[in-house]
Every structure is written in C-alpha cells, then in structure tokens.
C-alpha cells in the first residue's frame, strides 16, 4: 500500500507544483507529473536530512514534496533557458 500512496501523493504534489510554478503550461501527462512529485519528495527528504529537519528514517511531508517539485521545475526552467 505504501507504493500506491507514494504514487498518489507524488501526482498531487507534482500537479500543485506545476500549477504554482511560473512558466509555460505544457501538459506532460500523468506519468511525468507523478515522477516529478516523487522525485521532488526525495529531493526534499535529502535536503531536510542534510539540514537536520528530518531524522535518518524520516521523510518529507506533502508540503515538502511540493517544495521539492517546485525546486526541480525552477531548475529545469533555468537549464532550458541556457540551451
């Protein structure tokens, strides 16, 4: 059941991150939106553990997943401008 929840939360976090991030609104589909949210959650967990907000076994919450996904979208936008 944990994987199903990760997919659901990842999709919602990716959807919200795409909604609040400035830039083009190209639809990327269910899979890419879900991957964006899941990778954003992993990024937020790693950053939170590095700063000391989360312990070794803790993970980012829903807000952290959204913030991580927004960071990924902003970084992708900056890289796309340079190319």
PDB file of N, CA and C in Angstrom:
ATOM      1  N   UNK A   1       0.820  -1.195   0.000  1.00  0.00           N
ATOM      2  CA  UNK A   1       0.000   0.000   0.000  1.00  0.00           C
ATOM      3  C   UNK A   1       0.859   1.252   0.000  1.00  0.00           C
ATOM      4  N   UNK A   2       2.113   1.157   0.452  1.00  0.00           N
ATOM      5  CA  UNK A   2       2.986   2.315   0.507  1.00  0.00           C
ATOM      6  C   UNK A   2       3.319   2.865  -0.868  1.00  0.00           C
ATOM      7  N   UNK A   3       3.473   1.973  -1.849  1.00  0.00           N
ATOM      8  CA  UNK A   3       3.790   2.429  -3.205  1.00  0.00           C
ATOM      9  C   UNK A   3       2.602   3.149  -3.822  1.00  0.00           C
ATOM     10  N   UNK A   4       1.404   2.668  -3.563  1.00  0.00           N
ATOM     11  CA  UNK A   4       0.203   3.311  -4.089  1.00  0.00           C
ATOM     12  C   UNK A   4       0.077   4.721  -3.519  1.00  0.00           C
ATOM     13  N   UNK A   5       0.313   4.864  -2.215  1.00  0.00           N
ATOM     14  CA  UNK A   5       0.249   6.199  -1.608  1.00  0.00           C
ATOM     15  C   UNK A   5       1.345   7.102  -2.148  1.00  0.00           C
ATOM     16  N   UNK A   6       2.528   6.577  -2.399  1.00  0.00           N
ATOM     17  CA  UNK A   6       3.615   7.379  -2.966  1.00  0.00           C
ATOM     18  C   UNK A   6       3.232   7.896  -4.352  1.00  0.00           C
ATOM     19  N   UNK A   7       2.572   7.068  -5.146  1.00  0.00           N
ATOM     20  CA  UNK A   7       2.137   7.487  -6.471  1.00  0.00           C
ATOM     21  C   UNK A   7       1.054   8.557  -6.373  1.00  0.00           C
ATOM     22  N   UNK A   8       0.091   8.360  -5.496  1.00  0.00           N
ATOM     23  CA  UNK A   8      -0.998   9.332  -5.339  1.00  0.00           C
ATOM     24  C   UNK A   8      -0.461  10.672  -4.824  1.00  0.00           C
ATOM     25  N   UNK A   9       0.335  10.632  -3.775  1.00  0.00           N
ATOM     26  CA  UNK A   9       0.894  11.858  -3.213  1.00  0.00           C
ATOM     27  C   UNK A   9       1.848  12.504  -4.210  1.00  0.00           C
ATOM     28  N   UNK A  10       2.642  11.707  -4.920  1.00  0.00           N
ATOM     29  CA  UNK A  10       3.539  12.235  -5.943  1.00  0.00           C
ATOM     30  C   UNK A  10       2.791  12.950  -7.050  1.00  0.00           C
ATOM     31  N   UNK A  11       1.690  12.363  -7.497  1.00  0.00           N
ATOM     32  CA  UNK A  11       0.895  13.001  -8.545  1.00  0.00           C
ATOM     33  C   UNK A  11       0.316  14.323  -8.060  1.00  0.00           C
ATOM     34  N   UNK A  12      -0.253  14.328  -6.866  1.00  0.00           N
ATOM     35  CA  UNK A  12      -0.842  15.561  -6.337  1.00  0.00           C
ATOM     36  C   UNK A  12       0.217  16.633  -6.109  1.00  0.00           C
ATOM     37  N   UNK A  13       1.367  16.243  -5.582  1.00  0.00           N
ATOM     38  CA  UNK A  13       2.442  17.210  -5.355  1.00  0.00           C
ATOM     39  C   UNK A  13       2.959  17.758  -6.686  1.00  0.00           C
ATOM     40  N   UNK A  14       3.138  16.908  -7.684  1.00  0.00           N
ATOM     41  CA  UNK A  14       3.569  17.361  -8.997  1.00  0.00           C
ATOM     42  C   UNK A  14       2.561  18.271  -9.663  1.00  0.00           C
ATOM     43  N   UNK A  15       1.291  17.965  -9.517  1.00  0.00           N
ATOM     44  CA  UNK A  15       0.231  18.780 -10.096  1.00  0.00           C
ATOM     45  C   UNK A  15       0.207  20.167  -9.462  1.00  0.00           C
ATOM     46  N   UNK A  16       0.288  20.225  -8.142  1.00  0.00           N
ATOM     47  CA  UNK A  16       0.285  21.515  -7.447  1.00  0.00           C
ATOM     48  C   UNK A  16       1.551  22.299  -7.775  1.00  0.00           C
ATOM     49  N   UNK A  17       2.695  21.625  -7.849  1.00  0.00           N
ATOM     50  CA  UNK A  17       3.949  22.310  -8.181  1.00  0.00           C
ATOM     51  C   UNK A  17       3.884  22.910  -9.579  1.00  0.00           C
ATOM     52  N   UNK A  18       3.320  22.173 -10.543  1.00  0.00           N
ATOM     53  CA  UNK A  18       3.185  22.705 -11.896  1.00  0.00           C
ATOM     54  C   UNK A  18       2.223  23.881 -11.923  1.00  0.00           C
ATOM     55  N   UNK A  19       1.226  23.862 -11.077  1.00  0.00           N
ATOM     56  CA  UNK A  19       0.231  24.932 -11.037  1.00  0.00           C
ATOM     57  C   UNK A  19       0.813  26.219 -10.466  1.00  0.00           C
ATOM     58  N   UNK A  20       1.664  26.124  -9.422  1.00  0.00           N
ATOM     59  CA  UNK A  20       2.171  27.335  -8.775  1.00  0.00           C
ATOM     60  C   UNK A  20       3.490  27.832  -9.350  1.00  0.00           C
ATOM     61  N   UNK A  21       4.141  27.058 -10.205  1.00  0.00           N
ATOM     62  CA  UNK A  21       5.417  27.464 -10.777  1.00  0.00           C
ATOM     63  C   UNK A  21       5.171  28.294 -12.031  1.00  0.00           C
ATOM     64  N   UNK A  22       5.837  29.467 -12.133  1.00  0.00           N
ATOM     65  CA  UNK A  22       5.666  30.272 -13.346  1.00  0.00           C
ATOM     66  C   UNK A  22       6.336  29.602 -14.539  1.00  0.00           C
ATOM     67  N   UNK A  23       5.847  29.914 -15.701  1.00  0.00           N
ATOM     68  CA  UNK A  23       6.423  29.344 -16.917  1.00  0.00           C
ATOM     69  C   UNK A  23       5.349  28.793 -17.811  1.00  0.00           C
ATOM     70  N   UNK A  24       5.781  28.082 -18.837  1.00  0.00           N
ATOM     71  CA  UNK A  24       4.824  27.526 -19.782  1.00  0.00           C
ATOM     72  C   UNK A  24       4.021  26.412 -19.134  1.00  0.00           C
ATOM     73  N   UNK A  25       2.816  26.247 -19.587  1.00  0.00           N
ATOM     74  CA  UNK A  25       1.889  25.273 -19.007  1.00  0.00           C
ATOM     75  C   UNK A  25       1.712  24.071 -19.928  1.00  0.00           C
ATOM     76  N   UNK A  26       2.810  23.564 -20.471  1.00  0.00           N
ATOM     77  CA  UNK A  26       2.700  22.406 -21.347  1.00  0.00           C
ATOM     78  C   UNK A  26       2.263  21.189 -20.545  1.00  0.00           C
ATOM     79  N   UNK A  27       1.220  20.512 -20.994  1.00  0.00           N
ATOM     80  CA  UNK A  27       0.829  19.292 -20.289  1.00  0.00           C
ATOM     81  C   UNK A  27       1.880  18.204 -20.487  1.00  0.00           C
ATOM     82  N   UNK A  28       2.184  17.503 -19.409  1.00  0.00           N
ATOM     83  CA  UNK A  28       3.203  16.464 -19.526  1.00  0.00           C
ATOM     84  C   UNK A  28       2.655  15.084 -19.194  1.00  0.00           C
ATOM     85  N   UNK A  29       1.417  14.992 -18.873  1.00  0.00           N
ATOM     86  CA  UNK A  29       0.819  13.691 -18.647  1.00  0.00           C
ATOM     87  C   UNK A  29       0.926  13.202 -17.212  1.00  0.00           C
ATOM     88  N   UNK A  30       0.207  12.146 -16.949  1.00  0.00           N
ATOM     89  CA  UNK A  30       0.117  11.571 -15.610  1.00  0.00           C
ATOM     90  C   UNK A  30       1.457  11.041 -15.123  1.00  0.00           C
ATOM     91  N   UNK A  31       2.162  10.336 -15.975  1.00  0.00           N
ATOM     92  CA  UNK A  31       3.409   9.685 -15.568  1.00  0.00           C
ATOM     93  C   UNK A  31       4.465  10.721 -15.189  1.00  0.00           C
ATOM     94  N   UNK A  32       4.696  11.707 -16.057  1.00  0.00           N
ATOM     95  CA  UNK A  32       5.726  12.702 -15.765  1.00  0.00           C
ATOM     96  C   UNK A  32       5.368  13.567 -14.567  1.00  0.00           C
ATOM     97  N   UNK A  33       4.096  13.882 -14.392  1.00  0.00           N
ATOM     98  CA  UNK A  33       3.665  14.653 -13.229  1.00  0.00           C
ATOM     99  C   UNK A  33       3.894  13.859 -11.953  1.00  0.00           C
ATOM    100  N   UNK A  34       3.598  12.577 -11.976  1.00  0.00           N
ATOM    101  CA  UNK A  34       3.813  11.713 -10.822  1.00  0.00           C
ATOM    102  C   UNK A  34       5.295  11.579 -10.507  1.00  0.00           C
ATOM    103  N   UNK A  35       6.107  11.374 -11.540  1.00  0.00           N
ATOM    104  CA  UNK A  35       7.555  11.261 -11.334  1.00  0.00           C
ATOM    105  C   UNK A  35       8.106  12.563 -10.762  1.00  0.00           C
ATOM    106  N   UNK A  36       7.614  13.694 -11.254  1.00  0.00           N
ATOM    107  CA  UNK A  36       8.035  14.990 -10.734  1.00  0.00           C
ATOM    108  C   UNK A  36       7.746  15.093  -9.241  1.00  0.00           C
ATOM    109  N   UNK A  37       6.567  14.710  -8.815  1.00  0.00           N
ATOM    110  CA  UNK A  37       6.214  14.770  -7.396  1.00  0.00           C
ATOM    111  C   UNK A  37       7.028  13.810  -6.545  1.00  0.00           C
ATOM    112  N   UNK A  38       7.255  12.613  -7.037  1.00  0.00           N
ATOM    113  CA  UNK A  38       8.019  11.625  -6.272  1.00  0.00           C
ATOM    114  C   UNK A  38       9.484  12.054  -6.156  1.00  0.00           C
ATOM    115  N   UNK A  39      10.068  12.527  -7.256  1.00  0.00           N
ATOM    116  CA  UNK A  39      11.450  12.998  -7.205  1.00  0.00           C
ATOM    117  C   UNK A  39      11.554  14.251  -6.334  1.00  0.00           C
ATOM    118  N   UNK A  40      10.545  15.101  -6.384  1.00  0.00           N
ATOM    119  CA  UNK A  40      10.515  16.270  -5.506  1.00  0.00           C
ATOM    120  C   UNK A  40      10.472  15.882  -4.043  1.00  0.00           C
ATOM    121  N   UNK A  41       9.740  14.842  -3.729  1.00  0.00           N
ATOM    122  CA  UNK A  41       9.696  14.345  -2.358  1.00  0.00           C
ATOM    123  C   UNK A  41      11.041  13.791  -1.919  1.00  0.00           C
ATOM    124  N   UNK A  42      11.694  13.055  -2.814  1.00  0.00           N
ATOM    125  CA  UNK A  42      13.025  12.526  -2.496  1.00  0.00           C
ATOM    126  C   UNK A  42      14.034  13.655  -2.296  1.00  0.00           C
ATOM    127  N   UNK A  43      13.956  14.683  -3.150  1.00  0.00           N
ATOM    128  CA  UNK A  43      14.842  15.836  -3.011  1.00  0.00           C
ATOM    129  C   UNK A  43      14.602  16.547  -1.684  1.00  0.00           C
ATOM    130  N   UNK A  44      13.334  16.755  -1.340  1.00  0.00           N
ATOM    131  CA  UNK A  44      13.013  17.423  -0.082  1.00  0.00           C
ATOM    132  C   UNK A  44      13.469  16.596   1.119  1.00  0.00           C
ATOM    133  N   UNK A  45      13.366  15.289   1.031  1.00  0.00           N
ATOM    134  CA  UNK A  45      13.832  14.424   2.115  1.00  0.00           C
ATOM    135  C   UNK A  45      15.338  14.537   2.282  1.00  0.00           C
ATOM    136  N   UNK A  46      16.078  14.477   1.182  1.00  0.00           N
ATOM    137  CA  UNK A  46      17.546  14.574   1.252  1.00  0.00           C
ATOM    138  C   UNK A  46      17.988  15.929   1.777  1.00  0.00           C
ATOM    139  N   UNK A  47      17.364  17.002   1.279  1.00  0.00           N
ATOM    140  CA  UNK A  47      17.722  18.332   1.762  1.00  0.00           C
ATOM    141  C   UNK A  47      17.360  18.507   3.237  1.00  0.00           C
ATOM    142  N   UNK A  48      16.206  17.996   3.629  1.00  0.00           N
ATOM    143  CA  UNK A  48      15.791  18.086   5.026  1.00  0.00           C
ATOM    144  C   UNK A  48      16.695  17.302   5.956  1.00  0.00           C
ATOM    145  N   UNK A  49      17.163  16.144   5.515  1.00  0.00           N
ATOM    146  CA  UNK A  49      18.091  15.367   6.327  1.00  0.00           C
ATOM    147  C   UNK A  49      19.450  16.044   6.405  1.00  0.00           C
ATOM    148  N   UNK A  50      19.874  16.691   5.327  1.00  0.00           N
ATOM    149  CA  UNK A  50      21.164  17.383   5.327  1.00  0.00           C
ATOM    150  C   UNK A  50      21.147  18.590   6.265  1.00  0.00           C
ATOM    151  N   UNK A  51      20.012  19.266   6.333  1.00  0.00           N
ATOM    152  CA  UNK A  51      19.896  20.442   7.190  1.00  0.00           C
ATOM    153  C   UNK A  51      19.627  20.040   8.643  1.00  0.00           C
ATOM    154  N   UNK A  52      19.060  18.869   8.840  1.00  0.00           N
ATOM    155  CA  UNK A  52      18.764  18.400  10.188  1.00  0.00           C
ATOM    156  C   UNK A  52      17.298  18.477  10.572  1.00  0.00           C
ATOM    157  N   UNK A  53      16.429  18.755   9.592  1.00  0.00           N
ATOM    158  CA  UNK A  53      14.997  18.820   9.880  1.00  0.00           C
ATOM    159  C   UNK A  53      14.383  17.438  10.036  1.00  0.00           C
ATOM    160  N   UNK A  54      14.911  16.459   9.295  1.00  0.00           N
ATOM    161  CA  UNK A  54      14.396  15.096   9.344  1.00  0.00           C
ATOM    162  C   UNK A  54      15.477  14.169   9.867  1.00  0.00           C
ATOM    163  N   UNK A  55      15.048  13.134  10.571  1.00  0.00           N
ATOM    164  CA  UNK A  55      15.972  12.123  11.057  1.00  0.00           C
ATOM    165  C   UNK A  55      16.306  11.136   9.954  1.00  0.00           C
ATOM    166  N   UNK A  56      17.160  10.152  10.237  1.00  0.00           N
ATOM    167  CA  UNK A  56      17.568   9.183   9.216  1.00  0.00           C
ATOM    168  C   UNK A  56      16.413   8.386   8.619  1.00  0.00           C
ATOM    169  N   UNK A  57      15.403   8.078   9.396  1.00  0.00           N
ATOM    170  CA  UNK A  57      14.290   7.287   8.884  1.00  0.00           C
ATOM    171  C   UNK A  57      13.083   8.108   8.485  1.00  0.00           C
ATOM    172  N   UNK A  58      13.146   9.426   8.653  1.00  0.00           N
ATOM    173  CA  UNK A  58      12.011  10.284   8.345  1.00  0.00           C
ATOM    174  C   UNK A  58      12.019  10.697   6.885  1.00  0.00           C
ATOM    175  N   UNK A  59      10.845  11.030   6.394  1.00  0.00           N
ATOM    176  CA  UNK A  59      10.717  11.510   5.026  1.00  0.00           C
ATOM    177  C   UNK A  59       9.996  12.843   5.006  1.00  0.00           C
ATOM    178  N   UNK A  60      10.033  13.480   3.857  1.00  0.00           N
ATOM    179  CA  UNK A  60       9.366  14.764   3.696  1.00  0.00           C
ATOM    180  C   UNK A  60       7.854  14.569   3.708  1.00  0.00           C
ATOM    181  N   UNK A  61       7.151  15.580   4.170  1.00  0.00           N
ATOM    182  CA  UNK A  61       5.689  15.522   4.165  1.00  0.00           C
ATOM    183  C   UNK A  61       5.165  16.046   2.818  1.00  0.00           C
ATOM    184  N   UNK A  62       3.878  16.241   2.712  1.00  0.00           N
ATOM    185  CA  UNK A  62       3.251  16.656   1.459  1.00  0.00           C
ATOM    186  C   UNK A  62       3.752  18.032   1.016  1.00  0.00           C
ATOM    187  N   UNK A  63       3.853  18.965   1.954  1.00  0.00           N
ATOM    188  CA  UNK A  63       4.340  20.308   1.631  1.00  0.00           C
ATOM    189  C   UNK A  63       5.796  20.230   1.162  1.00  0.00           C
ATOM    190  N   UNK A  64       6.589  19.409   1.814  1.00  0.00           N
ATOM    191  CA  UNK A  64       7.979  19.221   1.399  1.00  0.00           C
ATOM    192  C   UNK A  64       8.082  18.663  -0.002  1.00  0.00           C
ATOM    193  N   UNK A  65       7.192  17.746  -0.351  1.00  0.00           N
ATOM    194  CA  UNK A  65       7.186  17.180  -1.703  1.00  0.00           C
ATOM    195  C   UNK A  65       6.858  18.248  -2.733  1.00  0.00           C
ATOM    196  N   UNK A  66       5.936  19.132  -2.410  1.00  0.00           N
ATOM    197  CA  UNK A  66       5.587  20.219  -3.325  1.00  0.00           C
ATOM    198  C   UNK A  66       6.772  21.161  -3.492  1.00  0.00           C
ATOM    199  N   UNK A  67       7.413  21.520  -2.382  1.00  0.00           N
ATOM    200  CA  UNK A  67       8.575  22.416  -2.446  1.00  0.00           C
ATOM    201  C   UNK A  67       9.705  21.779  -3.268  1.00  0.00           C
ATOM    202  N   UNK A  68       9.958  20.500  -3.049  1.00  0.00           N
ATOM    203  CA  UNK A  68      10.975  19.807  -3.827  1.00  0.00           C
ATOM    204  C   UNK A  68      10.648  19.785  -5.313  1.00  0.00           C
ATOM    205  N   UNK A  69       9.388  19.567  -5.658  1.00  0.00           N
ATOM    206  CA  UNK A  69       8.976  19.551  -7.062  1.00  0.00           C
ATOM    207  C   UNK A  69       9.095  20.942  -7.681  1.00  0.00           C
ATOM    208  N   UNK A  70       8.788  21.984  -6.910  1.00  0.00           N
ATOM    209  CA  UNK A  70       8.932  23.352  -7.408  1.00  0.00           C
ATOM    210  C   UNK A  70      10.408  23.647  -7.669  1.00  0.00           C
ATOM    211  N   UNK A  71      11.291  23.213  -6.778  1.00  0.00           N
ATOM    212  CA  UNK A  71      12.730  23.412  -6.976  1.00  0.00           C
ATOM    213  C   UNK A  71      13.180  22.745  -8.271  1.00  0.00           C
ATOM    214  N   UNK A  72      12.692  21.537  -8.522  1.00  0.00           N
ATOM    215  CA  UNK A  72      13.051  20.823  -9.746  1.00  0.00           C
ATOM    216  C   UNK A  72      12.532  21.566 -10.977  1.00  0.00           C
ATOM    217  N   UNK A  73      11.300  22.055 -10.930  1.00  0.00           N
ATOM    218  CA  UNK A  73      10.745  22.779 -12.071  1.00  0.00           C
ATOM    219  C   UNK A  73      11.503  24.078 -12.327  1.00  0.00           C
ATOM    220  N   UNK A  74      11.859  24.801 -11.272  1.00  0.00           N
ATOM    221  CA  UNK A  74      12.609  26.041 -11.454  1.00  0.00           C
ATOM    222  C   UNK A  74      14.001  25.769 -12.018  1.00  0.00           C
ATOM    223  N   UNK A  75      14.654  24.717 -11.526  1.00  0.00           N
ATOM    224  CA  UNK A  75      15.972  24.360 -12.052  1.00  0.00           C
ATOM    225  C   UNK A  75      15.873  23.949 -13.518  1.00  0.00           C
ATOM    226  N   UNK A  76      14.847  23.214 -13.868  1.00  0.00           N
ATOM    227  CA  UNK A  76      14.641  22.802 -15.258  1.00  0.00           C
ATOM    228  C   UNK A  76      14.405  24.021 -16.148  1.00  0.00           C
ATOM    229  N   UNK A  77      13.652  25.002 -15.654  1.00  0.00           N
ATOM    230  CA  UNK A  77      13.419  26.229 -16.413  1.00  0.00           C
ATOM    231  C   UNK A  77      14.703  27.009 -16.637  1.00  0.00           C
ATOM    232  N   UNK A  78      15.564  27.062 -15.631  1.00  0.00           N
ATOM    233  CA  UNK A  78      16.838  27.764 -15.778  1.00  0.00           C
ATOM    234  C   UNK A  78      17.751  27.046 -16.773  1.00  0.00           C
ATOM    235  N   UNK A  79      17.779  25.740 -16.710  1.00  0.00           N
ATOM    236  CA  UNK A  79      18.603  24.980 -17.646  1.00  0.00           C
ATOM    237  C   UNK A  79      18.076  25.090 -19.073  1.00  0.00           C
ATOM    238  N   UNK A  80      16.769  25.138 -19.237  1.00  0.00           N
ATOM    239  CA  UNK A  80      16.182  25.238 -20.572  1.00  0.00           C
ATOM    240  C   UNK A  80      16.480  26.588 -21.206  1.00  0.00           C
ATOM    241  N   UNK A  81      16.590  27.643 -20.406  1.00  0.00           N
ATOM    242  CA  UNK A  81      16.905  28.967 -20.937  1.00  0.00           C
ATOM    243  C   UNK A  81      18.337  29.026 -21.466  1.00  0.00           C
ATOM    244  N   UNK A  82      19.243  28.289 -20.870  1.00  0.00           N
ATOM    245  CA  UNK A  82      20.644  28.332 -21.268  1.00  0.00           C
ATOM    246  C   UNK A  82      20.905  27.585 -22.566  1.00  0.00           C
ATOM    247  N   UNK A  83      20.056  26.648 -22.885  1.00  0.00           N
ATOM    248  CA  UNK A  83      20.289  25.817 -24.084  1.00  0.00           C
ATOM    249  C   UNK A  83      19.738  26.481 -25.301  1.00  0.00           C
TER     250      UNK A  83
END
